[in-house]
């Protein structure tokens, strides 16, 4: 079984649905409110676990009801929680999500996720170094991302960096990552508004730019390739990118080539948006393979 370690955020998503987003100073009536487990790291861990990977989560939650709910959700999804530590001095992270006008907007409060420091990473060294691939995102401290990139590169462990939320990243981290998966906005921040086609050529078979319903673009060393998405009737797009990353990591770690891994991940992501919640629609391995 493929071993995947996810280093990243865990949070509770506070989700409001409405017909539109309010303007500045405006109050509107929403349609519904739900509380569900989320966080980019947790989402990617659950996505990979549902695709039959052996998944270890490295992260922090608060010692509160939200933290307990997150840990129980990991357990129910067969994600190993050996390295998920409840901390007493910070509350569990939260994501405040508005679903309106066919898309989502999100405000993240990191909370306990700020406790995922390089020292904390050292507690999980054994499982990290034995992993087939490691996933990391940017809802945790910047210094931790840099530390993990160096750790994985030095020890020959492939690192998939999902640079979300967007912030500048050192060239050293980019060079050390095996795969980088920004969306179009994150790519513009990552490469300082550099022409995306030039950036793709600079990082062949490494830089994968996700373009939502259009698909995923990369450069294979000779040609620029767009692997199309699968059209579906979307209910909730929250977590689609995380599903893509978890699925791509599983596929590439199993030995699939990049194009087949992207196709597999696109299919998983398309299925994930047909149900409510970041994790609510994440498909099983059987569901992805049957739909392919």
C-alpha atoms as a PDB file:
ATOM      1  CA  UNK A   1       0.000   0.000   0.000  1.00  0.00           C
ATOM      2  CA  UNK A   2       1.255   3.472  -0.885  1.00  0.00           C
ATOM      3  CA  UNK A   3       2.356   5.461   2.186  1.00  0.00           C
ATOM      4  CA  UNK A   4       1.433   9.157   2.115  1.00  0.00           C
ATOM      5  CA  UNK A   5       2.261  11.717   4.799  1.00  0.00           C
ATOM      6  CA  UNK A   6       0.368  14.997   4.866  1.00  0.00           C
ATOM      7  CA  UNK A   7       1.854  17.913   6.791  1.00  0.00           C
ATOM      8  CA  UNK A   8      -0.635  20.711   7.130  1.00  0.00           C
ATOM      9  CA  UNK A   9      -3.683  22.360   8.547  1.00  0.00           C
ATOM     10  CA  UNK A  10      -6.763  20.930  10.176  1.00  0.00           C
ATOM     11  CA  UNK A  11      -9.757  23.128  10.811  1.00  0.00           C
ATOM     12  CA  UNK A  12     -13.488  23.277  11.160  1.00  0.00           C
ATOM     13  CA  UNK A  13     -15.295  24.818   8.199  1.00  0.00           C
ATOM     14  CA  UNK A  14     -18.151  27.181   9.067  1.00  0.00           C
ATOM     15  CA  UNK A  15     -20.116  27.226   5.824  1.00  0.00           C
ATOM     16  CA  UNK A  16     -22.816  29.712   4.847  1.00  0.00           C
ATOM     17  CA  UNK A  17     -24.774  29.388   1.614  1.00  0.00           C
ATOM     18  CA  UNK A  18     -26.513  32.367   0.066  1.00  0.00           C
ATOM     19  CA  UNK A  19     -27.834  33.536  -3.282  1.00  0.00           C
ATOM     20  CA  UNK A  20     -25.191  36.286  -3.440  1.00  0.00           C
ATOM     21  CA  UNK A  21     -22.296  37.791  -1.507  1.00  0.00           C
ATOM     22  CA  UNK A  22     -23.065  40.901   0.557  1.00  0.00           C
ATOM     23  CA  UNK A  23     -21.564  44.209  -0.485  1.00  0.00           C
ATOM     24  CA  UNK A  24     -19.518  46.256   1.982  1.00  0.00           C
ATOM     25  CA  UNK A  25     -21.807  47.317   4.832  1.00  0.00           C
ATOM     26  CA  UNK A  26     -24.684  45.164   3.560  1.00  0.00           C
ATOM     27  CA  UNK A  27     -26.585  42.520   5.520  1.00  0.00           C
ATOM     28  CA  UNK A  28     -28.381  39.763   3.609  1.00  0.00           C
ATOM     29  CA  UNK A  29     -30.284  36.630   4.569  1.00  0.00           C
ATOM     30  CA  UNK A  30     -28.496  33.359   3.953  1.00  0.00           C
ATOM     31  CA  UNK A  31     -29.979  30.019   2.974  1.00  0.00           C
ATOM     32  CA  UNK A  32     -28.149  27.603   5.298  1.00  0.00           C
ATOM     33  CA  UNK A  33     -25.282  27.127   7.770  1.00  0.00           C
ATOM     34  CA  UNK A  34     -23.251  23.978   8.419  1.00  0.00           C
ATOM     35  CA  UNK A  35     -20.176  23.020  10.448  1.00  0.00           C
ATOM     36  CA  UNK A  36     -17.917  20.384   8.840  1.00  0.00           C
ATOM     37  CA  UNK A  37     -14.271  19.222   9.164  1.00  0.00           C
ATOM     38  CA  UNK A  38     -11.833  20.906   6.793  1.00  0.00           C
ATOM     39  CA  UNK A  39      -8.410  22.514   6.469  1.00  0.00           C
ATOM     40  CA  UNK A  40      -6.269  21.996   3.394  1.00  0.00           C
ATOM     41  CA  UNK A  41      -4.023  19.425   5.049  1.00  0.00           C
ATOM     42  CA  UNK A  42      -6.883  17.453   6.549  1.00  0.00           C
ATOM     43  CA  UNK A  43      -8.798  17.539   3.271  1.00  0.00           C
ATOM     44  CA  UNK A  44      -5.840  16.170   1.330  1.00  0.00           C
ATOM     45  CA  UNK A  45      -5.279  13.448   3.920  1.00  0.00           C
ATOM     46  CA  UNK A  46      -8.900  12.301   3.749  1.00  0.00           C
ATOM     47  CA  UNK A  47      -8.858  12.424  -0.070  1.00  0.00           C
ATOM     48  CA  UNK A  48      -5.764  10.199  -0.199  1.00  0.00           C
ATOM     49  CA  UNK A  49      -7.110   7.788   2.411  1.00  0.00           C
ATOM     50  CA  UNK A  50     -10.358   7.274   0.497  1.00  0.00           C
ATOM     51  CA  UNK A  51      -8.236   6.310  -2.497  1.00  0.00           C
ATOM     52  CA  UNK A  52      -6.710   3.417  -0.550  1.00  0.00           C
ATOM     53  CA  UNK A  53      -3.424   5.003   0.532  1.00  0.00           C
ATOM     54  CA  UNK A  54      -1.928   4.495   3.985  1.00  0.00           C
ATOM     55  CA  UNK A  55      -2.090   8.093   5.219  1.00  0.00           C
ATOM     56  CA  UNK A  56      -0.426   9.761   8.200  1.00  0.00           C
ATOM     57  CA  UNK A  57      -1.477  13.261   9.205  1.00  0.00           C
ATOM     58  CA  UNK A  58       1.045  15.598  10.849  1.00  0.00           C
ATOM     59  CA  UNK A  59      -0.728  18.572  12.383  1.00  0.00           C
ATOM     60  CA  UNK A  60      -2.191  20.299  15.425  1.00  0.00           C
ATOM     61  CA  UNK A  61      -5.662  21.023  16.764  1.00  0.00           C
ATOM     62  CA  UNK A  62      -6.871  22.858  19.830  1.00  0.00           C
ATOM     63  CA  UNK A  63      -7.875  20.973  22.946  1.00  0.00           C
ATOM     64  CA  UNK A  64     -11.520  21.808  22.368  1.00  0.00           C
ATOM     65  CA  UNK A  65     -14.694  20.411  20.836  1.00  0.00           C
ATOM     66  CA  UNK A  66     -13.630  21.326  17.297  1.00  0.00           C
ATOM     67  CA  UNK A  67     -10.302  19.557  17.780  1.00  0.00           C
ATOM     68  CA  UNK A  68     -12.023  16.436  19.071  1.00  0.00           C
ATOM     69  CA  UNK A  69     -14.366  16.451  16.079  1.00  0.00           C
ATOM     70  CA  UNK A  70     -11.428  16.694  13.663  1.00  0.00           C
ATOM     71  CA  UNK A  71      -9.530  13.787  15.259  1.00  0.00           C
ATOM     72  CA  UNK A  72     -12.646  11.596  15.274  1.00  0.00           C
ATOM     73  CA  UNK A  73     -13.193  12.420  11.608  1.00  0.00           C
ATOM     74  CA  UNK A  74      -9.628  11.324  10.786  1.00  0.00           C
ATOM     75  CA  UNK A  75     -10.192   8.051  12.586  1.00  0.00           C
ATOM     76  CA  UNK A  76     -13.462   7.387  10.767  1.00  0.00           C
ATOM     77  CA  UNK A  77     -11.662   7.985   7.450  1.00  0.00           C
ATOM     78  CA  UNK A  78      -8.771   5.666   8.435  1.00  0.00           C
ATOM     79  CA  UNK A  79      -6.172   8.453   8.610  1.00  0.00           C
ATOM     80  CA  UNK A  80      -3.477   7.725  11.209  1.00  0.00           C
ATOM     81  CA  UNK A  81      -3.470  10.402  13.951  1.00  0.00           C
ATOM     82  CA  UNK A  82      -0.271   9.477  15.785  1.00  0.00           C
ATOM     83  CA  UNK A  83       1.160  12.909  14.931  1.00  0.00           C
ATOM     84  CA  UNK A  84      -1.978  15.027  15.418  1.00  0.00           C
ATOM     85  CA  UNK A  85      -1.383  16.822  18.699  1.00  0.00           C
ATOM     86  CA  UNK A  86      -3.998  18.762  20.709  1.00  0.00           C
ATOM     87  CA  UNK A  87      -2.478  21.987  22.069  1.00  0.00           C
ATOM     88  CA  UNK A  88      -3.878  23.909  25.014  1.00  0.00           C
ATOM     89  CA  UNK A  89      -2.718  27.463  24.262  1.00  0.00           C
ATOM     90  CA  UNK A  90      -4.376  27.861  20.838  1.00  0.00           C
ATOM     91  CA  UNK A  91      -7.877  27.193  19.568  1.00  0.00           C
ATOM     92  CA  UNK A  92      -8.587  24.852  16.684  1.00  0.00           C
ATOM     93  CA  UNK A  93      -8.250  26.527  13.293  1.00  0.00           C
ATOM     94  CA  UNK A  94     -11.389  27.616  11.475  1.00  0.00           C
ATOM     95  CA  UNK A  95     -12.322  28.427   7.893  1.00  0.00           C
ATOM     96  CA  UNK A  96     -15.240  30.788   7.304  1.00  0.00           C
ATOM     97  CA  UNK A  97     -16.706  29.893   3.924  1.00  0.00           C
ATOM     98  CA  UNK A  98     -19.373  31.615   1.857  1.00  0.00           C
ATOM     99  CA  UNK A  99     -20.935  29.634  -0.987  1.00  0.00           C
ATOM    100  CA  UNK A 100     -22.656  31.982  -3.417  1.00  0.00           C
ATOM    101  CA  UNK A 101     -22.969  32.658  -7.141  1.00  0.00           C
ATOM    102  CA  UNK A 102     -21.563  29.257  -8.080  1.00  0.00           C
ATOM    103  CA  UNK A 103     -18.241  29.609  -6.237  1.00  0.00           C
ATOM    104  CA  UNK A 104     -16.712  30.019  -2.784  1.00  0.00           C
ATOM    105  CA  UNK A 105     -14.826  32.673  -0.821  1.00  0.00           C
ATOM    106  CA  UNK A 106     -12.917  31.749   2.337  1.00  0.00           C
ATOM    107  CA  UNK A 107     -11.328  33.434   5.368  1.00  0.00           C
ATOM    108  CA  UNK A 108      -8.967  31.169   7.337  1.00  0.00           C
ATOM    109  CA  UNK A 109      -8.077  31.654  11.017  1.00  0.00           C
ATOM    110  CA  UNK A 110      -5.030  29.412  11.559  1.00  0.00           C
ATOM    111  CA  UNK A 111      -5.254  28.922  15.330  1.00  0.00           C
ATOM    112  CA  UNK A 112      -3.463  25.720  16.417  1.00  0.00           C
ATOM    113  CA  UNK A 113      -2.053  25.252  12.918  1.00  0.00           C
ATOM    114  CA  UNK A 114       0.574  27.863  13.830  1.00  0.00           C
ATOM    115  CA  UNK A 115       1.976  25.282  16.258  1.00  0.00           C
ATOM    116  CA  UNK A 116       3.212  23.120  13.354  1.00  0.00           C
ATOM    117  CA  UNK A 117       6.823  24.266  13.718  1.00  0.00           C
ATOM    118  CA  UNK A 118      10.076  22.654  12.540  1.00  0.00           C
ATOM    119  CA  UNK A 119      10.507  21.236  16.062  1.00  0.00           C
ATOM    120  CA  UNK A 120       7.094  19.632  15.786  1.00  0.00           C
ATOM    121  CA  UNK A 121       8.021  18.134  12.406  1.00  0.00           C
ATOM    122  CA  UNK A 122      11.013  16.418  14.018  1.00  0.00           C
ATOM    123  CA  UNK A 123       8.600  14.332  16.108  1.00  0.00           C
ATOM    124  CA  UNK A 124       7.335  12.742  12.896  1.00  0.00           C
ATOM    125  CA  UNK A 125      10.696  12.185  11.194  1.00  0.00           C
ATOM    126  CA  UNK A 126      10.382   8.412  11.170  1.00  0.00           C
ATOM    127  CA  UNK A 127       7.137   8.321   9.196  1.00  0.00           C
ATOM    128  CA  UNK A 128       8.149  11.201   6.912  1.00  0.00           C
ATOM    129  CA  UNK A 129      11.356   9.495   5.820  1.00  0.00           C
ATOM    130  CA  UNK A 130       9.529   6.227   5.122  1.00  0.00           C
ATOM    131  CA  UNK A 131       6.834   7.875   2.974  1.00  0.00           C
ATOM    132  CA  UNK A 132       6.398   7.362  -0.750  1.00  0.00           C
ATOM    133  CA  UNK A 133       5.354  11.024  -1.004  1.00  0.00           C
ATOM    134  CA  UNK A 134       4.792  13.975   1.344  1.00  0.00           C
ATOM    135  CA  UNK A 135       2.159  16.688   0.834  1.00  0.00           C
ATOM    136  CA  UNK A 136       2.361  20.176   2.312  1.00  0.00           C
ATOM    137  CA  UNK A 137       0.397  23.437   1.950  1.00  0.00           C
ATOM    138  CA  UNK A 138       0.633  27.020   3.238  1.00  0.00           C
ATOM    139  CA  UNK A 139      -1.894  27.288   6.069  1.00  0.00           C
ATOM    140  CA  UNK A 140       1.063  26.557   8.376  1.00  0.00           C
ATOM    141  CA  UNK A 141       4.191  28.636   9.176  1.00  0.00           C
ATOM    142  CA  UNK A 142       6.428  29.532   6.248  1.00  0.00           C
ATOM    143  CA  UNK A 143       9.541  28.353   8.086  1.00  0.00           C
ATOM    144  CA  UNK A 144       7.991  24.891   8.393  1.00  0.00           C
ATOM    145  CA  UNK A 145       7.410  24.637   4.651  1.00  0.00           C
ATOM    146  CA  UNK A 146      11.052  25.563   4.061  1.00  0.00           C
ATOM    147  CA  UNK A 147      12.234  23.060   6.661  1.00  0.00           C
ATOM    148  CA  UNK A 148      10.183  20.211   5.203  1.00  0.00           C
ATOM    149  CA  UNK A 149      11.314  21.027   1.657  1.00  0.00           C
ATOM    150  CA  UNK A 150      14.939  20.763   2.738  1.00  0.00           C
ATOM    151  CA  UNK A 151      14.279  17.614   4.784  1.00  0.00           C
ATOM    152  CA  UNK A 152      12.544  15.794   1.939  1.00  0.00           C
ATOM    153  CA  UNK A 153      15.066  16.876  -0.689  1.00  0.00           C
ATOM    154  CA  UNK A 154      18.033  15.823   1.441  1.00  0.00           C
ATOM    155  CA  UNK A 155      16.531  12.402   2.104  1.00  0.00           C
ATOM    156  CA  UNK A 156      15.165  11.720  -1.385  1.00  0.00           C
ATOM    157  CA  UNK A 157      11.478  11.815  -0.399  1.00  0.00           C
ATOM    158  CA  UNK A 158       9.242  13.363  -3.111  1.00  0.00           C
ATOM    159  CA  UNK A 159       7.446  16.495  -1.866  1.00  0.00           C
ATOM    160  CA  UNK A 160       4.219  17.816  -3.374  1.00  0.00           C
ATOM    161  CA  UNK A 161       3.785  21.496  -2.504  1.00  0.00           C
ATOM    162  CA  UNK A 162       0.318  22.947  -2.876  1.00  0.00           C
ATOM    163  CA  UNK A 163       1.123  26.690  -2.514  1.00  0.00           C
ATOM    164  CA  UNK A 164      -2.226  27.733  -1.078  1.00  0.00           C
ATOM    165  CA  UNK A 165      -3.093  30.212   0.270  1.00  0.00           C
ATOM    166  CA  UNK A 166      -0.935  32.267  -2.079  1.00  0.00           C
ATOM    167  CA  UNK A 167       2.267  33.823  -0.755  1.00  0.00           C
ATOM    168  CA  UNK A 168       5.758  34.256  -2.216  1.00  0.00           C
ATOM    169  CA  UNK A 169       8.017  31.217  -1.906  1.00  0.00           C
ATOM    170  CA  UNK A 170      11.792  31.094  -2.080  1.00  0.00           C
ATOM    171  CA  UNK A 171      13.354  29.696  -5.234  1.00  0.00           C
ATOM    172  CA  UNK A 172      15.084  27.133  -3.027  1.00  0.00           C
ATOM    173  CA  UNK A 173      11.744  25.626  -1.973  1.00  0.00           C
ATOM    174  CA  UNK A 174      10.533  25.544  -5.572  1.00  0.00           C
ATOM    175  CA  UNK A 175      13.696  23.756  -6.667  1.00  0.00           C
ATOM    176  CA  UNK A 176      13.487  21.178  -3.871  1.00  0.00           C
ATOM    177  CA  UNK A 177       9.831  20.251  -4.366  1.00  0.00           C
ATOM    178  CA  UNK A 178       9.093  17.378  -6.728  1.00  0.00           C
ATOM    179  CA  UNK A 179       5.693  18.828  -7.729  1.00  0.00           C
ATOM    180  CA  UNK A 180       4.049  22.232  -7.287  1.00  0.00           C
ATOM    181  CA  UNK A 181       0.302  22.633  -7.837  1.00  0.00           C
ATOM    182  CA  UNK A 182      -0.869  26.267  -7.813  1.00  0.00           C
ATOM    183  CA  UNK A 183      -4.079  27.540  -9.318  1.00  0.00           C
ATOM    184  CA  UNK A 184      -3.795  30.452 -11.743  1.00  0.00           C
ATOM    185  CA  UNK A 185      -3.901  33.128  -9.025  1.00  0.00           C
ATOM    186  CA  UNK A 186      -1.384  31.305  -6.830  1.00  0.00           C
ATOM    187  CA  UNK A 187       0.925  30.867  -9.820  1.00  0.00           C
ATOM    188  CA  UNK A 188       0.882  34.627 -10.488  1.00  0.00           C
ATOM    189  CA  UNK A 189       1.950  35.257  -6.872  1.00  0.00           C
ATOM    190  CA  UNK A 190       4.481  32.432  -6.869  1.00  0.00           C
ATOM    191  CA  UNK A 191       6.230  33.650 -10.022  1.00  0.00           C
ATOM    192  CA  UNK A 192       5.714  37.396  -9.538  1.00  0.00           C
ATOM    193  CA  UNK A 193       3.302  37.743 -12.495  1.00  0.00           C
ATOM    194  CA  UNK A 194       5.752  36.029 -14.828  1.00  0.00           C
ATOM    195  CA  UNK A 195       4.175  34.702 -18.024  1.00  0.00           C
ATOM    196  CA  UNK A 196       2.742  31.363 -17.009  1.00  0.00           C
ATOM    197  CA  UNK A 197       3.880  29.657 -20.206  1.00  0.00           C
ATOM    198  CA  UNK A 198       7.485  30.662 -19.457  1.00  0.00           C
ATOM    199  CA  UNK A 199       7.153  29.397 -15.888  1.00  0.00           C
ATOM    200  CA  UNK A 200       5.839  26.047 -17.112  1.00  0.00           C
ATOM    201  CA  UNK A 201       8.827  25.657 -19.441  1.00  0.00           C
ATOM    202  CA  UNK A 202      11.188  26.526 -16.586  1.00  0.00           C
ATOM    203  CA  UNK A 203       9.774  23.696 -14.466  1.00  0.00           C
ATOM    204  CA  UNK A 204       8.834  20.840 -16.812  1.00  0.00           C
ATOM    205  CA  UNK A 205       6.959  17.924 -15.243  1.00  0.00           C
ATOM    206  CA  UNK A 206       7.007  19.773 -11.918  1.00  0.00           C
ATOM    207  CA  UNK A 207       4.741  22.791 -12.183  1.00  0.00           C
ATOM    208  CA  UNK A 208       1.073  21.808 -12.590  1.00  0.00           C
ATOM    209  CA  UNK A 209      -1.276  24.782 -12.865  1.00  0.00           C
ATOM    210  CA  UNK A 210      -4.882  23.951 -12.018  1.00  0.00           C
ATOM    211  CA  UNK A 211      -7.416  25.916 -14.042  1.00  0.00           C
ATOM    212  CA  UNK A 212     -10.702  24.865 -12.466  1.00  0.00           C
ATOM    213  CA  UNK A 213     -13.258  23.597 -14.966  1.00  0.00           C
ATOM    214  CA  UNK A 214     -10.700  23.900 -17.797  1.00  0.00           C
ATOM    215  CA  UNK A 215      -8.341  21.295 -16.359  1.00  0.00           C
ATOM    216  CA  UNK A 216      -4.635  21.206 -15.465  1.00  0.00           C
ATOM    217  CA  UNK A 217      -1.742  22.598 -17.506  1.00  0.00           C
ATOM    218  CA  UNK A 218       1.897  21.489 -17.453  1.00  0.00           C
ATOM    219  CA  UNK A 219       4.962  21.311 -19.732  1.00  0.00           C
ATOM    220  CA  UNK A 220       6.263  17.824 -20.531  1.00  0.00           C
ATOM    221  CA  UNK A 221       9.717  18.913 -21.730  1.00  0.00           C
ATOM    222  CA  UNK A 222       8.638  19.311 -25.353  1.00  0.00           C
ATOM    223  CA  UNK A 223       5.063  20.566 -25.382  1.00  0.00           C
ATOM    224  CA  UNK A 224       2.599  22.363 -23.152  1.00  0.00           C
ATOM    225  CA  UNK A 225      -0.179  19.958 -22.220  1.00  0.00           C
ATOM    226  CA  UNK A 226      -3.695  20.741 -20.971  1.00  0.00           C
ATOM    227  CA  UNK A 227      -5.360  17.741 -19.352  1.00  0.00           C
ATOM    228  CA  UNK A 228      -9.065  18.597 -19.455  1.00  0.00           C
ATOM    229  CA  UNK A 229     -11.383  18.460 -16.469  1.00  0.00           C
ATOM    230  CA  UNK A 230     -14.536  16.354 -16.370  1.00  0.00           C
ATOM    231  CA  UNK A 231     -17.746  18.433 -16.649  1.00  0.00           C
ATOM    232  CA  UNK A 232     -20.233  17.923 -13.806  1.00  0.00           C
ATOM    233  CA  UNK A 233     -23.054  19.820 -12.137  1.00  0.00           C
ATOM    234  CA  UNK A 234     -21.246  21.390  -9.180  1.00  0.00           C
ATOM    235  CA  UNK A 235     -22.941  21.620  -5.788  1.00  0.00           C
ATOM    236  CA  UNK A 236     -19.955  22.830  -3.718  1.00  0.00           C
ATOM    237  CA  UNK A 237     -16.493  23.542  -5.153  1.00  0.00           C
ATOM    238  CA  UNK A 238     -14.844  23.753  -1.703  1.00  0.00           C
ATOM    239  CA  UNK A 239     -12.141  21.093  -1.452  1.00  0.00           C
ATOM    240  CA  UNK A 240     -11.883  20.317  -5.163  1.00  0.00           C
ATOM    241  CA  UNK A 241      -8.261  21.437  -5.258  1.00  0.00           C
ATOM    242  CA  UNK A 242      -7.465  19.415  -2.148  1.00  0.00           C
ATOM    243  CA  UNK A 243      -9.063  16.343  -3.690  1.00  0.00           C
ATOM    244  CA  UNK A 244      -6.938  16.868  -6.787  1.00  0.00           C
ATOM    245  CA  UNK A 245      -3.752  17.083  -4.724  1.00  0.00           C
ATOM    246  CA  UNK A 246      -4.525  14.022  -2.618  1.00  0.00           C
ATOM    247  CA  UNK A 247      -5.463  11.989  -5.669  1.00  0.00           C
ATOM    248  CA  UNK A 248      -2.469  13.116  -7.722  1.00  0.00           C
ATOM    249  CA  UNK A 249      -0.117  12.233  -4.869  1.00  0.00           C
ATOM    250  CA  UNK A 250      -1.570   8.732  -4.613  1.00  0.00           C
ATOM    251  CA  UNK A 251      -1.426   8.135  -8.360  1.00  0.00           C
ATOM    252  CA  UNK A 252       2.119   9.434  -8.862  1.00  0.00           C
ATOM    253  CA  UNK A 253       3.368   7.488  -5.816  1.00  0.00           C
ATOM    254  CA  UNK A 254       1.856   4.326  -7.285  1.00  0.00           C
ATOM    255  CA  UNK A 255       3.979   4.808 -10.393  1.00  0.00           C
ATOM    256  CA  UNK A 256       1.506   6.320 -12.852  1.00  0.00           C
ATOM    257  CA  UNK A 257       2.963   8.844 -15.297  1.00  0.00           C
ATOM    258  CA  UNK A 258       2.148  12.524 -14.898  1.00  0.00           C
ATOM    259  CA  UNK A 259      -0.598  12.701 -17.504  1.00  0.00           C
ATOM    260  CA  UNK A 260      -2.394   9.623 -16.176  1.00  0.00           C
ATOM    261  CA  UNK A 261      -1.969  10.885 -12.608  1.00  0.00           C
ATOM    262  CA  UNK A 262      -3.519  14.230 -13.548  1.00  0.00           C
ATOM    263  CA  UNK A 263      -6.385  12.492 -15.330  1.00  0.00           C
ATOM    264  CA  UNK A 264      -7.029  10.341 -12.258  1.00  0.00           C
ATOM    265  CA  UNK A 265      -6.898  13.399  -9.991  1.00  0.00           C
ATOM    266  CA  UNK A 266      -9.155  15.441 -12.282  1.00  0.00           C
ATOM    267  CA  UNK A 267     -11.746  12.684 -12.153  1.00  0.00           C
ATOM    268  CA  UNK A 268     -11.583  12.545  -8.352  1.00  0.00           C
ATOM    269  CA  UNK A 269     -11.872  16.337  -8.104  1.00  0.00           C
ATOM    270  CA  UNK A 270     -14.853  16.427 -10.443  1.00  0.00           C
ATOM    271  CA  UNK A 271     -16.696  13.871  -8.324  1.00  0.00           C
ATOM    272  CA  UNK A 272     -15.908  15.794  -5.139  1.00  0.00           C
ATOM    273  CA  UNK A 273     -17.865  18.901  -6.172  1.00  0.00           C
ATOM    274  CA  UNK A 274     -21.129  17.014  -6.681  1.00  0.00           C
ATOM    275  CA  UNK A 275     -21.833  16.921  -2.920  1.00  0.00           C
ATOM    276  CA  UNK A 276     -21.731  19.418  -0.053  1.00  0.00           C
ATOM    277  CA  UNK A 277     -18.612  20.048   2.028  1.00  0.00           C
ATOM    278  CA  UNK A 278     -14.892  19.954   1.352  1.00  0.00           C
ATOM    279  CA  UNK A 279     -14.754  16.283   2.325  1.00  0.00           C
ATOM    280  CA  UNK A 280     -18.401  15.356   1.803  1.00  0.00           C
ATOM    281  CA  UNK A 281     -18.011  14.442  -1.854  1.00  0.00           C
ATOM    282  CA  UNK A 282     -14.476  13.062  -1.839  1.00  0.00           C
ATOM    283  CA  UNK A 283     -14.731   9.783  -3.750  1.00  0.00           C
ATOM    284  CA  UNK A 284     -13.531   6.285  -2.979  1.00  0.00           C
ATOM    285  CA  UNK A 285     -11.055   4.472  -5.208  1.00  0.00           C
ATOM    286  CA  UNK A 286     -13.827   2.376  -6.668  1.00  0.00           C
ATOM    287  CA  UNK A 287     -15.902   5.446  -7.572  1.00  0.00           C
ATOM    288  CA  UNK A 288     -12.991   7.082  -9.394  1.00  0.00           C
ATOM    289  CA  UNK A 289     -11.997   3.975 -11.320  1.00  0.00           C
ATOM    290  CA  UNK A 290     -15.582   3.193 -12.323  1.00  0.00           C
ATOM    291  CA  UNK A 291     -16.129   6.730 -13.612  1.00  0.00           C
ATOM    292  CA  UNK A 292     -12.878   6.628 -15.575  1.00  0.00           C
END
